[in-house]
Protein backbone atom coordinates (compact mmCIF):
# COMPACT_ATOMS: atom_id res chain seq x y z
CA MET A 1 118.65 115.25 177.65
CA LYS A 2 122.44 114.78 177.58
CA LEU A 3 122.02 111.01 177.50
CA LYS A 4 120.07 111.18 174.25
CA ARG A 5 122.70 113.45 172.73
CA TYR A 6 125.41 111.01 173.79
CA ALA A 7 123.46 108.08 172.34
CA ALA A 8 123.05 109.91 169.05
CA ALA A 9 126.76 110.74 168.88
CA ALA A 10 127.68 107.16 169.75
CA ALA A 11 125.30 105.87 167.10
CA ALA A 12 126.82 108.15 164.49
CA ALA A 13 130.34 107.03 165.41
CA LEU A 14 129.34 103.38 165.28
CA LEU A 15 127.66 103.90 161.93
CA SER A 16 130.93 105.19 160.52
CA PHE A 17 132.96 102.46 162.23
CA SER A 18 130.62 99.71 160.99
CA ALA A 19 130.07 100.89 157.42
CA ALA A 20 131.43 97.65 155.98
CA ALA A 21 129.02 95.62 158.11
CA VAL A 22 126.11 97.81 157.03
CA PHE A 23 126.79 97.44 153.34
CA THR A 24 127.57 93.74 153.64
CA SER A 25 124.25 93.12 155.35
CA SER A 26 122.41 95.15 152.73
CA ALA A 27 124.07 93.18 149.97
CA VAL A 28 123.16 89.86 151.57
CA GLY A 29 119.53 90.89 151.63
CA SER A 30 119.46 92.46 148.19
CA ALA A 31 117.16 89.79 146.75
CA GLY A 32 114.59 90.70 149.35
CA ARG A 33 111.13 89.50 150.27
CA THR A 34 107.68 90.96 149.85
CA VAL A 35 104.76 91.11 152.27
CA ASN A 36 101.29 92.54 151.63
CA ILE A 37 99.56 94.38 154.46
CA THR A 38 95.97 95.61 154.45
CA VAL A 39 94.71 98.31 156.83
CA ASP A 40 90.99 99.09 157.21
CA THR A 41 90.32 101.73 159.85
CA ALA A 42 86.56 101.12 159.77
CA ARG A 43 86.75 97.42 160.69
CA ASP A 44 87.44 95.44 163.87
CA ARG A 45 87.87 98.47 166.09
CA LYS A 46 88.98 97.66 169.63
CA ALA A 47 89.95 99.86 172.53
CA VAL A 48 93.62 99.45 173.44
CA SER A 49 94.28 99.36 177.19
CA PRO A 50 97.27 101.60 177.99
CA TYR A 51 98.17 99.25 180.83
CA ILE A 52 99.63 96.66 178.44
CA TYR A 53 102.68 98.92 178.23
CA GLY A 54 103.80 98.00 181.72
CA VAL A 55 106.89 96.83 183.59
CA ASN A 56 107.65 95.28 186.94
CA ALA A 57 109.18 97.36 189.70
CA GLU A 58 112.75 96.36 188.86
CA LEU A 59 112.43 98.42 185.67
CA MET A 60 110.18 101.23 186.88
CA GLU A 61 112.89 103.88 187.13
CA ARG A 62 114.41 103.13 183.75
CA ASP A 63 114.13 105.70 180.98
CA VAL A 64 110.96 104.32 179.44
CA SER A 65 107.48 105.76 179.16
CA CYS A 66 105.67 102.84 180.76
CA LYS A 67 101.96 103.05 181.57
CA ALA A 68 101.74 100.51 184.40
CA VAL A 69 104.05 99.22 187.14
CA ARG A 70 103.63 96.04 189.17
CA ALA A 71 105.36 95.58 192.50
CA GLY A 72 105.45 91.81 192.43
CA GLY A 73 107.59 88.72 192.23
CA ASN A 74 109.02 86.20 194.68
CA ARG A 75 110.41 88.87 197.00
CA TYR A 76 106.93 90.19 197.75
CA THR A 77 105.48 86.91 199.05
CA ALA A 78 107.37 87.34 202.35
CA TYR A 79 107.36 91.17 202.51
CA ASN A 80 106.52 92.57 205.94
CA TRP A 81 104.84 95.89 205.25
CA GLU A 82 105.09 97.01 208.88
CA THR A 83 108.90 96.78 209.07
CA ASN A 84 109.86 96.58 205.35
CA ALA A 85 111.79 93.37 205.97
CA SER A 86 111.46 90.71 203.28
CA ASN A 87 112.69 87.21 202.55
CA ALA A 88 114.19 86.17 199.22
CA GLY A 89 113.18 82.53 199.46
CA SER A 90 114.97 80.17 197.12
CA ASP A 91 116.16 83.08 194.96
CA LEU A 92 118.84 83.88 197.57
CA ARG A 93 119.33 81.31 200.35
CA ASN A 94 116.08 82.27 202.13
CA ASN A 95 117.74 85.55 203.10
CA SER A 96 115.77 88.03 205.23
CA ASP A 97 116.97 91.58 204.74
CA GLY A 98 116.07 95.18 203.96
CA TYR A 99 116.02 94.70 200.18
CA PHE A 100 113.10 97.07 199.61
CA MET A 101 114.67 99.85 201.67
CA GLN A 102 117.74 100.07 199.42
CA ASN A 103 116.23 102.07 196.60
CA VAL A 104 113.71 104.33 198.32
CA PRO A 105 114.29 107.97 199.32
CA ASP A 106 115.68 108.45 202.82
CA GLU A 107 112.42 109.94 204.03
CA MET A 108 110.62 106.68 203.14
CA LYS A 109 113.04 104.21 204.71
CA ASP A 110 111.49 104.40 208.17
CA LYS A 111 107.89 104.48 206.98
CA ALA A 112 105.71 101.41 206.90
CA GLY A 113 104.97 100.05 203.45
CA CYS A 114 107.92 101.81 201.79
CA ALA A 115 107.76 99.47 198.76
CA ALA A 116 104.19 100.57 198.08
CA LEU A 117 104.97 104.23 198.79
CA LYS A 118 107.85 104.15 196.29
CA LEU A 119 105.61 102.41 193.73
CA ALA A 120 102.97 105.11 194.12
CA GLN A 121 105.55 107.88 193.80
CA VAL A 122 107.03 106.50 190.57
CA CYS A 123 103.59 105.85 189.09
CA ALA A 124 102.49 109.39 189.94
CA ASP A 125 105.58 110.77 188.18
CA LYS A 126 105.04 108.60 185.10
CA GLY A 127 101.26 108.77 185.04
CA ALA A 128 101.22 104.98 185.34
CA TYR A 129 98.86 102.40 186.82
CA SER A 130 100.10 101.00 190.16
CA LEU A 131 99.68 97.32 191.10
CA MET A 132 100.74 96.23 194.60
CA THR A 133 101.12 92.67 195.90
CA LEU A 134 99.29 91.49 199.03
CA GLU A 135 100.88 88.67 201.04
CA LEU A 136 98.77 85.52 201.36
CA ALA A 137 101.23 82.67 201.98
CA GLY A 138 100.96 82.83 205.77
CA PHE A 139 104.25 84.22 207.07
CA VAL A 140 106.54 87.16 206.32
CA ALA A 141 110.06 88.09 207.38
CA ALA A 142 110.27 89.24 211.00
CA ASP A 143 113.79 90.65 210.76
CA THR A 144 116.64 91.65 208.45
CA ASP A 145 119.22 89.34 210.03
CA GLY A 146 120.20 87.37 206.94
CA GLU A 147 119.85 83.71 206.04
CA VAL A 148 117.02 81.72 207.61
CA THR A 149 117.93 78.10 208.26
CA LYS A 150 115.71 75.06 207.93
CA ALA A 151 115.64 74.83 211.71
CA GLN A 152 114.11 78.34 211.75
CA LYS A 153 111.28 77.63 209.35
CA ALA A 154 107.89 79.11 210.19
CA PRO A 155 106.53 79.31 212.75
CA SER A 156 109.60 80.69 214.54
CA GLU A 157 110.93 84.02 215.77
CA ARG A 158 112.30 84.67 212.28
CA TRP A 159 108.77 85.01 210.91
CA ASP A 160 105.68 87.09 211.61
CA LYS A 161 102.30 85.51 211.05
CA VAL A 162 100.01 86.93 208.35
CA GLU A 163 96.32 87.45 209.03
CA LEU A 164 94.27 88.58 206.06
CA VAL A 165 91.54 90.20 208.19
CA LYS A 166 92.22 91.96 211.48
CA GLY A 167 88.70 91.84 212.83
CA SER A 168 89.19 94.92 215.01
CA GLU A 169 89.92 98.62 214.67
CA PHE A 170 92.69 99.59 212.27
CA THR A 171 95.72 101.65 213.23
CA LEU A 172 98.05 103.69 211.05
CA ALA A 173 100.93 102.90 213.42
CA PRO A 174 100.99 99.08 213.76
CA ASP A 175 103.05 97.37 216.43
CA PRO A 176 106.10 95.83 214.68
CA ASP A 177 106.80 93.57 217.66
CA ASP A 178 103.47 91.82 218.12
CA GLY A 179 104.37 88.98 215.75
CA VAL A 180 101.33 89.49 213.49
CA VAL A 181 100.85 91.41 210.25
CA TYR A 182 97.34 92.26 209.05
CA MET A 183 96.79 92.59 205.31
CA ASP A 184 93.50 94.51 205.38
CA GLU A 185 95.21 96.96 207.72
CA PHE A 186 97.90 97.39 205.04
CA VAL A 187 95.26 98.34 202.46
CA ASN A 188 93.64 100.74 204.93
CA TYR A 189 97.05 102.28 205.65
CA LEU A 190 97.71 102.85 201.93
CA VAL A 191 94.29 104.39 201.35
CA ASN A 192 94.75 106.76 204.28
CA THR A 193 98.33 107.60 203.29
CA LEU A 194 97.98 107.88 199.51
CA GLY A 195 94.28 108.11 198.74
CA ASP A 196 92.00 105.43 197.36
CA SER A 197 92.31 103.88 193.90
CA ALA A 198 90.26 106.66 192.31
CA ASN A 199 92.16 109.47 194.02
CA GLY A 200 95.88 108.96 193.65
CA GLY A 201 96.27 105.73 195.56
CA ILE A 202 97.16 102.18 194.55
CA ARG A 203 95.04 101.23 191.53
CA GLY A 204 95.13 97.45 191.81
CA TYR A 205 96.05 94.70 194.25
CA SER A 206 97.59 91.35 193.33
CA LEU A 207 96.69 88.25 195.34
CA ASP A 208 100.31 87.37 196.07
CA ASN A 209 102.65 85.80 193.52
CA GLU A 210 102.80 82.35 191.91
CA PRO A 211 101.10 80.54 194.82
CA SER A 212 101.38 77.06 193.32
CA LEU A 213 105.17 77.36 193.78
CA TRP A 214 105.23 78.52 197.40
CA SER A 215 106.44 75.13 198.66
CA SER A 216 109.57 75.53 196.51
CA THR A 217 110.14 79.29 196.29
CA HIS A 218 109.28 79.87 199.96
CA SER A 219 109.66 76.45 201.50
CA LEU A 220 110.47 77.82 204.96
CA ALA A 221 107.33 79.97 205.06
CA HIS A 222 104.93 77.60 203.28
CA PRO A 223 106.47 74.10 203.16
CA GLU A 224 103.34 72.24 202.05
CA LYS A 225 102.11 72.33 198.46
CA THR A 226 99.39 74.90 198.02
CA THR A 227 95.97 73.40 197.39
CA CYS A 228 93.38 74.70 194.97
CA GLY A 229 90.97 75.14 197.86
CA GLU A 230 93.49 77.16 199.84
CA ILE A 231 94.15 79.72 197.14
CA VAL A 232 90.44 80.16 196.41
CA GLU A 233 89.61 80.62 200.10
CA LYS A 234 92.41 83.15 200.57
CA SER A 235 91.52 84.93 197.34
CA VAL A 236 87.91 85.39 198.40
CA THR A 237 88.78 86.49 201.92
CA MET A 238 91.40 89.00 200.81
CA SER A 239 89.29 90.36 197.96
CA LYS A 240 86.30 90.95 200.22
CA ALA A 241 88.52 92.84 202.66
CA VAL A 242 90.02 95.03 199.93
CA LYS A 243 86.63 95.85 198.39
CA GLU A 244 85.28 96.89 201.82
CA ILE A 245 88.07 99.44 202.11
CA ASP A 246 88.53 100.49 198.45
CA PRO A 247 85.56 99.30 196.36
CA ASN A 248 86.97 100.58 193.06
CA ALA A 249 90.38 98.94 193.32
CA ASP A 250 91.10 96.17 190.81
CA ILE A 251 91.77 92.70 192.17
CA PHE A 252 94.30 90.62 190.19
CA GLY A 253 94.59 86.90 190.84
CA PRO A 254 95.95 84.30 191.20
CA ALA A 255 99.27 85.22 189.47
CA LEU A 256 99.86 81.79 187.95
CA PHE A 257 103.49 81.12 187.03
CA GLY A 258 102.97 79.33 183.70
CA TYR A 259 101.46 76.42 181.82
CA GLY A 260 101.87 73.90 184.66
CA ALA A 261 99.92 76.20 186.99
CA PHE A 262 97.26 76.91 184.38
CA THR A 263 96.51 73.22 183.91
CA ASN A 264 96.54 71.57 187.35
CA PHE A 265 97.93 74.23 189.71
CA ALA A 266 101.34 72.57 189.49
CA GLY A 267 100.03 69.19 190.63
CA ALA A 268 98.02 70.51 193.58
CA PRO A 269 97.07 67.71 196.01
CA ASP A 270 93.33 68.30 195.59
CA TRP A 271 93.20 68.88 191.84
CA LYS A 272 92.34 65.32 190.82
CA LYS A 273 89.47 65.21 193.31
CA ILE A 274 88.13 68.52 192.03
CA GLN A 275 88.31 67.40 188.43
CA LYS A 276 86.62 64.09 189.26
CA GLU A 277 83.74 65.96 190.89
CA HIS A 278 83.65 68.56 188.08
CA PRO A 279 84.66 66.92 184.79
CA GLU A 280 83.54 70.09 183.02
CA TYR A 281 86.67 71.84 184.32
CA LYS A 282 89.31 71.31 181.66
CA TRP A 283 92.05 73.05 183.65
CA PHE A 284 92.63 74.89 186.91
CA ILE A 285 91.73 78.23 185.32
CA ASP A 286 88.14 76.98 184.81
CA TYR A 287 87.86 76.03 188.47
CA TYR A 288 89.32 79.29 189.78
CA LEU A 289 87.08 81.45 187.61
CA ASP A 290 83.97 79.50 188.55
CA GLU A 291 84.77 79.68 192.26
CA MET A 292 85.31 83.44 192.07
CA ARG A 293 82.05 83.82 190.17
CA LYS A 294 80.22 81.90 192.89
CA ALA A 295 81.86 84.13 195.49
CA GLU A 296 80.50 87.19 193.71
CA GLU A 297 76.99 85.71 193.77
CA GLU A 298 77.31 85.01 197.50
CA ASN A 299 78.76 88.41 198.39
CA GLY A 300 76.96 90.69 195.98
CA ARG A 301 80.09 92.20 194.40
CA ARG A 302 82.79 91.18 191.96
CA LEU A 303 85.82 89.83 193.79
CA LEU A 304 88.08 89.13 190.78
CA ASP A 305 88.54 91.88 188.22
CA VAL A 306 91.58 90.54 186.36
CA LEU A 307 92.64 86.93 185.78
CA ASP A 308 96.38 87.19 186.28
CA ILE A 309 98.74 84.83 184.48
CA HIS A 310 102.45 84.84 183.71
CA PHE A 311 103.88 83.83 180.35
CA TYR A 312 107.47 82.78 179.73
CA THR A 313 107.80 80.93 176.46
CA GLU A 314 108.87 77.30 176.63
CA ALA A 315 109.79 77.24 172.93
CA LYS A 316 113.28 76.00 172.11
CA GLY A 317 115.74 77.45 169.65
CA ALA A 318 116.73 75.33 166.67
CA CYS A 319 119.63 74.22 168.87
CA GLY A 320 117.16 72.51 171.19
CA VAL A 321 117.83 74.88 174.10
CA ARG A 322 115.08 76.95 175.73
CA TYR A 323 116.04 80.62 175.94
CA CYS A 324 119.15 80.10 173.86
CA GLU A 325 121.26 83.18 173.13
CA HIS A 326 122.28 82.28 169.59
CA TYR A 327 121.40 85.62 168.01
CA ASN A 328 123.80 85.05 165.13
CA GLU A 329 122.16 81.74 164.16
CA PRO A 330 119.31 82.32 161.67
CA ASP A 331 117.35 79.20 162.64
CA CYS A 332 117.49 79.99 166.36
CA VAL A 333 116.43 83.58 165.71
CA TYR A 334 113.58 82.33 163.52
CA ASN A 335 112.30 80.15 166.37
CA LYS A 336 112.57 83.02 168.81
CA LEU A 337 110.72 85.49 166.61
CA ASN A 338 107.85 83.08 166.06
CA ALA A 339 107.52 82.03 169.70
CA THR A 340 105.04 84.88 170.28
CA ARG A 341 102.59 82.98 168.11
CA SER A 342 101.87 80.59 171.00
CA LEU A 343 99.91 83.48 172.46
CA TRP A 344 97.32 83.51 169.68
CA ASP A 345 97.97 81.45 166.51
CA ASP A 346 96.35 77.99 166.32
CA SER A 347 98.28 77.22 163.12
CA TYR A 348 101.61 77.42 164.94
CA THR A 349 103.26 74.57 166.85
CA GLU A 350 106.15 75.49 169.10
CA ASP A 351 108.99 73.09 169.83
CA SER A 352 108.67 72.54 173.59
CA TRP A 353 107.71 70.10 176.32
CA ILE A 354 104.21 71.57 176.13
CA THR A 355 103.63 70.37 172.59
CA ASP A 356 105.31 67.07 173.47
CA THR A 357 102.58 66.52 176.07
CA GLY A 358 99.67 67.58 173.89
CA ALA A 359 99.54 71.39 173.99
CA GLU A 360 95.82 71.21 174.73
CA PHE A 361 95.62 74.85 175.78
CA LEU A 362 97.80 76.47 173.13
CA PRO A 363 97.46 79.11 171.88
CA ILE A 364 97.02 80.46 175.36
CA LEU A 365 95.00 83.67 174.97
CA PRO A 366 92.07 82.13 173.04
CA ALA A 367 91.96 79.32 175.63
CA VAL A 368 91.87 81.81 178.49
CA LYS A 369 89.16 83.84 176.76
CA LYS A 370 87.05 80.73 176.29
CA SER A 371 87.30 79.93 179.99
CA ILE A 372 86.38 83.48 180.95
CA ASP A 373 83.36 83.49 178.64
CA THR A 374 82.23 80.17 180.07
CA TYR A 375 82.86 80.60 183.79
CA TYR A 376 83.20 84.29 184.65
CA PRO A 377 82.25 86.66 181.82
CA ASN A 378 83.74 90.16 181.75
CA THR A 379 86.82 89.18 183.72
CA LYS A 380 89.82 90.99 182.24
CA ILE A 381 93.14 89.39 181.33
CA GLY A 382 96.42 90.41 182.93
CA ILE A 383 99.86 89.08 182.03
CA THR A 384 101.79 90.59 184.90
CA GLU A 385 105.03 88.78 184.11
CA TYR A 386 106.42 87.97 180.67
CA ASP A 387 109.68 88.26 178.79
CA PHE A 388 110.80 86.87 175.45
CA GLN A 389 114.40 87.98 176.20
CA GLY A 390 116.88 89.65 173.82
CA ALA A 391 118.15 92.47 176.04
CA TYR A 392 121.23 93.12 173.89
CA ASP A 393 119.97 92.15 170.44
CA VAL A 394 117.36 93.76 168.22
CA THR A 395 115.54 90.41 168.25
CA GLY A 396 114.35 91.44 171.72
CA ALA A 397 112.74 94.62 170.38
CA ILE A 398 111.07 92.74 167.52
CA MET A 399 109.58 90.17 169.90
CA GLU A 400 108.48 92.90 172.31
CA ALA A 401 106.85 94.97 169.57
CA ASP A 402 105.07 91.86 168.32
CA ALA A 403 103.92 90.86 171.81
CA LEU A 404 102.47 94.32 172.49
CA GLY A 405 100.51 94.17 169.24
CA ILE A 406 99.25 90.71 170.19
CA PHE A 407 98.16 91.96 173.62
CA ALA A 408 96.20 94.77 171.98
CA GLN A 409 94.66 92.44 169.39
CA ASN A 410 93.54 90.03 172.11
CA GLU A 411 92.19 92.75 174.40
CA VAL A 412 94.60 92.16 177.27
CA TYR A 413 93.95 94.64 180.07
CA ALA A 414 97.40 94.80 181.67
CA ALA A 415 100.85 93.39 180.95
CA ASN A 416 104.14 93.90 182.78
CA LEU A 417 107.56 93.05 181.41
CA PHE A 418 109.69 91.21 183.99
CA SER A 419 113.43 91.33 183.35
CA MET A 420 116.56 92.75 184.92
CA ASP A 421 118.26 93.20 181.52
CA ALA A 422 115.84 94.74 179.09
CA GLN A 423 117.49 97.36 176.90
CA TYR A 424 115.89 96.30 173.64
CA GLN A 425 112.61 95.17 175.21
CA LEU A 426 112.15 98.61 176.76
CA THR A 427 112.85 100.18 173.38
CA GLY A 428 109.97 98.11 172.00
CA ILE A 429 107.68 99.58 174.68
CA GLN A 430 108.98 103.07 173.97
CA LEU A 431 108.07 102.70 170.30
CA TYR A 432 104.44 102.28 171.33
CA THR A 433 104.32 104.90 174.08
CA ASP A 434 106.68 107.75 173.15
CA TYR A 435 108.20 107.24 169.72
CA ASP A 436 109.02 110.92 169.16
CA GLY A 437 110.18 111.92 172.64
CA GLN A 438 107.15 114.20 172.87
CA GLY A 439 104.71 111.69 174.35
CA SER A 440 103.22 110.49 171.06
CA GLY A 441 102.25 106.84 171.02
CA PHE A 442 100.38 104.10 169.26
CA GLY A 443 96.70 104.97 168.94
CA ASP A 444 94.12 103.99 171.53
CA THR A 445 91.81 102.29 169.01
CA LEU A 446 93.10 99.19 167.25
CA VAL A 447 91.86 98.68 163.68
CA HIS A 448 91.92 95.88 161.13
CA CYS A 449 95.45 95.16 159.95
CA LYS A 450 96.44 91.95 158.19
CA SER A 451 99.79 90.67 156.93
CA ASP A 452 99.84 87.86 154.39
CA ASP A 453 103.16 86.50 155.72
CA ILE A 454 103.40 86.66 159.51
CA GLU A 455 106.52 84.50 159.56
CA THR A 456 108.31 87.37 157.85
CA SER A 457 106.39 90.40 158.97
CA THR A 458 103.68 91.18 161.52
CA ALA A 459 101.76 94.45 161.53
CA TYR A 460 99.42 96.34 163.88
CA ALA A 461 97.54 99.57 163.18
CA ALA A 462 95.66 102.02 165.38
CA ILE A 463 93.88 105.35 165.23
CA ARG A 464 93.26 107.96 167.91
CA GLY A 465 89.73 107.89 169.24
CA GLU A 466 87.21 107.61 166.42
CA SER A 467 89.18 109.65 163.88
CA SER A 468 91.12 108.01 161.08
CA ASP A 469 92.96 111.23 160.19
CA THR A 470 96.13 109.73 161.66
CA VAL A 471 97.09 106.06 161.56
CA THR A 472 100.03 104.58 163.45
CA LEU A 473 101.31 101.37 161.91
CA VAL A 474 103.91 99.08 163.53
CA VAL A 475 105.58 96.64 161.12
CA THR A 476 108.27 94.07 161.94
CA ASN A 477 110.77 92.51 159.58
CA LYS A 478 111.75 89.15 161.06
CA ALA A 479 113.93 88.16 158.09
CA PHE A 480 117.42 87.42 159.35
CA ALA A 481 119.37 88.77 156.36
CA ASP A 482 116.79 89.80 153.78
CA ASN A 483 115.38 93.20 153.07
CA THR A 484 111.59 93.06 153.02
CA THR A 485 109.26 95.25 150.99
CA ALA A 486 105.90 95.87 152.63
CA ASN A 487 103.14 96.79 150.20
CA ILE A 488 100.56 98.48 152.41
CA LYS A 489 96.99 99.12 151.26
CA LEU A 490 95.03 101.75 153.18
CA ASP A 491 91.30 102.48 153.19
CA GLY A 492 91.75 106.22 152.72
CA GLU A 493 93.94 108.87 151.13
CA TYR A 494 96.94 109.97 153.17
CA ALA A 495 99.25 112.89 152.47
CA ASN A 496 102.23 112.33 154.75
CA ALA A 497 104.23 109.43 156.16
CA HIS A 498 106.74 109.80 159.00
CA LEU A 499 109.03 106.87 159.75
CA TYR A 500 110.47 105.82 163.10
CA GLY A 501 112.40 102.62 163.69
CA ILE A 502 114.44 100.26 165.84
CA ASN A 503 117.48 98.46 164.48
CA SER A 504 120.52 96.53 165.66
CA MET A 505 122.77 99.57 165.97
CA SER A 506 121.53 100.75 169.33
CA ALA A 507 118.64 100.10 171.72
CA GLN A 508 116.73 103.28 170.99
CA VAL A 509 113.97 104.57 168.73
CA PHE A 510 115.34 106.43 165.72
CA ASP A 511 113.48 109.23 164.00
CA MET A 512 113.86 108.52 160.27
CA THR A 513 112.18 111.81 159.24
CA ASP A 514 109.37 112.64 156.82
CA HIS A 515 109.74 111.85 153.12
CA ASN A 516 112.25 109.06 153.75
CA PRO A 517 113.19 107.40 150.42
CA LYS A 518 112.48 104.03 152.00
CA VAL A 519 108.82 105.07 152.22
CA LYS A 520 106.80 105.70 149.08
CA LEU A 521 103.31 107.04 149.75
CA ASP A 522 100.77 107.26 146.97
CA GLY A 523 97.44 108.23 148.44
CA SER A 524 95.98 104.98 149.73
CA SER A 525 99.10 102.89 149.10
CA VAL A 526 102.44 102.77 150.90
CA THR A 527 105.60 100.91 149.98
CA LEU A 528 107.98 100.44 152.90
CA GLU A 529 111.49 99.06 152.36
CA MET A 530 112.66 97.38 155.57
CA ASP A 531 116.17 96.28 156.46
CA PRO A 532 116.63 92.84 158.04
CA ARG A 533 115.61 92.45 161.70
CA THR A 534 114.04 95.83 162.23
CA VAL A 535 110.84 97.33 163.60
CA SER A 536 109.25 100.26 161.79
CA LEU A 537 106.55 102.64 162.92
CA LEU A 538 104.79 104.72 160.30
CA VAL A 539 102.72 107.75 161.28
CA LEU A 540 100.34 108.30 158.37
CA SER A 541 98.48 111.61 158.27
CA LYS A 542 95.76 112.88 155.98
CA ASN A 543 97.20 116.38 156.33
CA ASP A 544 100.77 117.16 155.25
CA THR A 545 102.49 117.87 158.57
CA ALA A 546 106.08 117.64 157.35
CA SER A 547 107.01 121.22 158.18
CA ALA A 548 105.66 120.84 161.72
CA GLU A 549 107.14 117.43 162.54
CA ASP A 550 110.37 117.19 160.57
CA PRO A 551 113.25 119.09 162.23
CA SER A 552 115.18 119.06 158.96
CA ALA A 553 112.38 120.95 157.24
CA GLU A 554 113.60 124.16 158.86
CA GLY A 555 117.26 123.24 158.93
CA SER A 556 117.26 122.49 162.64
CA GLY A 557 118.96 119.10 162.27
CA GLU A 558 119.05 116.86 165.29
CA THR A 559 116.96 117.68 168.34
CA GLU A 560 116.91 116.30 171.87
CA SER A 561 113.51 114.69 171.45
CA THR A 562 113.91 113.23 167.98
CA VAL A 563 117.25 111.70 167.03
CA SER A 564 117.79 111.26 163.31
CA ALA A 565 120.04 108.35 162.36
CA VAL A 566 119.74 107.89 158.61
CA SER A 567 122.51 106.17 156.70
CA THR A 568 123.04 106.47 152.97
CA ASP A 569 123.67 103.43 150.82
CA SER A 570 125.51 103.31 147.51
CA GLU A 571 122.40 104.45 145.63
CA GLY A 572 121.83 107.46 147.85
CA SER A 573 118.71 106.14 149.61
CA SER A 574 118.20 106.35 153.36
CA SER A 575 117.79 103.26 155.49
CA LEU A 576 117.78 101.99 159.02
CA PRO A 577 121.48 101.22 159.65
CA LEU A 578 122.27 97.61 160.43
CA ILE A 579 125.00 96.14 162.58
CA GLY A 580 125.34 92.45 163.37
CA GLY A 581 124.16 91.09 166.73
CA ILE A 582 127.63 90.91 168.30
CA ALA A 583 128.56 94.42 167.19
CA GLY A 584 125.23 95.72 168.44
CA ALA A 585 125.75 94.08 171.82
CA ALA A 586 129.27 95.50 172.02
CA ALA A 587 127.94 98.94 171.16
CA ILE A 588 125.55 98.88 174.07
CA ALA A 589 127.93 97.21 176.48
CA GLY A 590 130.57 99.81 175.64
CA GLY A 591 128.30 102.64 176.75
CA ALA A 592 127.81 101.49 180.34
CA ALA A 593 128.63 98.72 182.74
CA VAL A 594 125.65 96.45 183.19
CA LEU A 595 124.94 94.35 186.26
CA ALA A 596 123.14 91.26 184.98
CA VAL A 597 120.77 89.74 187.51
CA LYS A 598 118.66 87.18 185.73
CA LYS A 599 115.25 86.04 186.90
CA ARG A 600 115.10 82.33 187.51
CA ARG A 601 112.91 80.69 184.90
CA LYS A 602 110.33 78.06 185.67
CA GLY A 603 110.58 74.80 183.79
């Protein structure tokens, strides 16, 4: 745990170095705000799926206690599982190479399906849910010889043809030179190599990635625009094949890239005809769900377990730029912090092209739920790509913490952060999954929790199982420069409050110890004093566990698993230390060199 010790030492040094900034920020926010939060552990109980705390494979080996990993994205659409060659498509000059072999152990490099084998290994180590992509576009890379030219578009020797169903006996040693790759044989290979989904194997399979964009992201493999009929036909065929081999595996589909895909499958050639014949379909999601429901009726088994969508906010900063990086501009930060509301809040209107064109399906999660209830009840929701950004600013952790609470509130089954730079976002996940370094996380049963000012502060509360003896409460302070006092009303008497938090000093969860002066607990009432732009997690217990949980109670000071970082202001009270966005970014950047590889956003 040397890294945690180093981080703690660096944080302490920065706290001393930035004392003026800390006190200046506190003074600016001295007037403060107030928010009232009500928690009722007996009301609105919902099971929280652990798989919402997920990441994509690019982040799977980072130091975060994630609960799900998806091997997906543009690279996987043209992944040849037999040879491990893949094609980058428009992300990198249609380059065919050995990308997936770079970061696997030597003993895996020569094995078929190394990307899936590595996924399974990491998920086994982390105790995480594994989601693997199956290739449906039609062709995959045949070699690792670099850039594919337009003259070499499929079909050509640079590509192997994909067949979803082999139609003959499977082999565990496929011929890499026969020019054909069979996807059901891939699933059979994984089951025989790793076990089935219930016995250590891949838990879920994704029906490729963002199919409505294939003609642009993989124009040399699938040059024509994908039709609605094509993706339904391929979805049904692939799902049937998977369920024959591994009946308990989850099927995720169709991995829609964003709002344009939700509505009309990115202008699919056959969408207008479908809608004319079925005016009851308000958007493509209705059609897809209904077609998959009909397929279940015809085949006698469910062929879509999880409706899979991607969500990258289109909301602009106050500057008018989508995904702006103006973390020192209060109005831009305000817009960023409220962009999560497009997931659930019908009283919120984001500034984006979506609202300019009507925003008929915002907020998105209630609209998706309505479609599911109407066309394919009991289908789960997956958001297998999302990112609100903020890798180097605490704003990223606040948005991430808020998004995870929203996913729980809206009963999302699985969610996977997609980003190459994600320091603060990962800290937001860690707050929910391992806030104390001992594996403790947000409860598995969400309960009623209401804030009377969500523009300033959002809050989410959970218990463990059916017992309300311990409540975990996540509270954000979105205020740019103001301290915020949260007056929290509980439905029971609690004896102890332990505070953890995330602030702008460093992308890590700080243990603020029991009996922190910023927390005043009086039976069924809690007063929490929050510094600007912070996330707090309170662990409220009916039994006084201070001596067991607080390292300082026995004079042990700092430990590897719980790092205490409490500053003292001029009145002697402890608080989450605050450093401005630029200083915070410099603090992180100074610790390590970071290679920034940004995912291309869809407009």
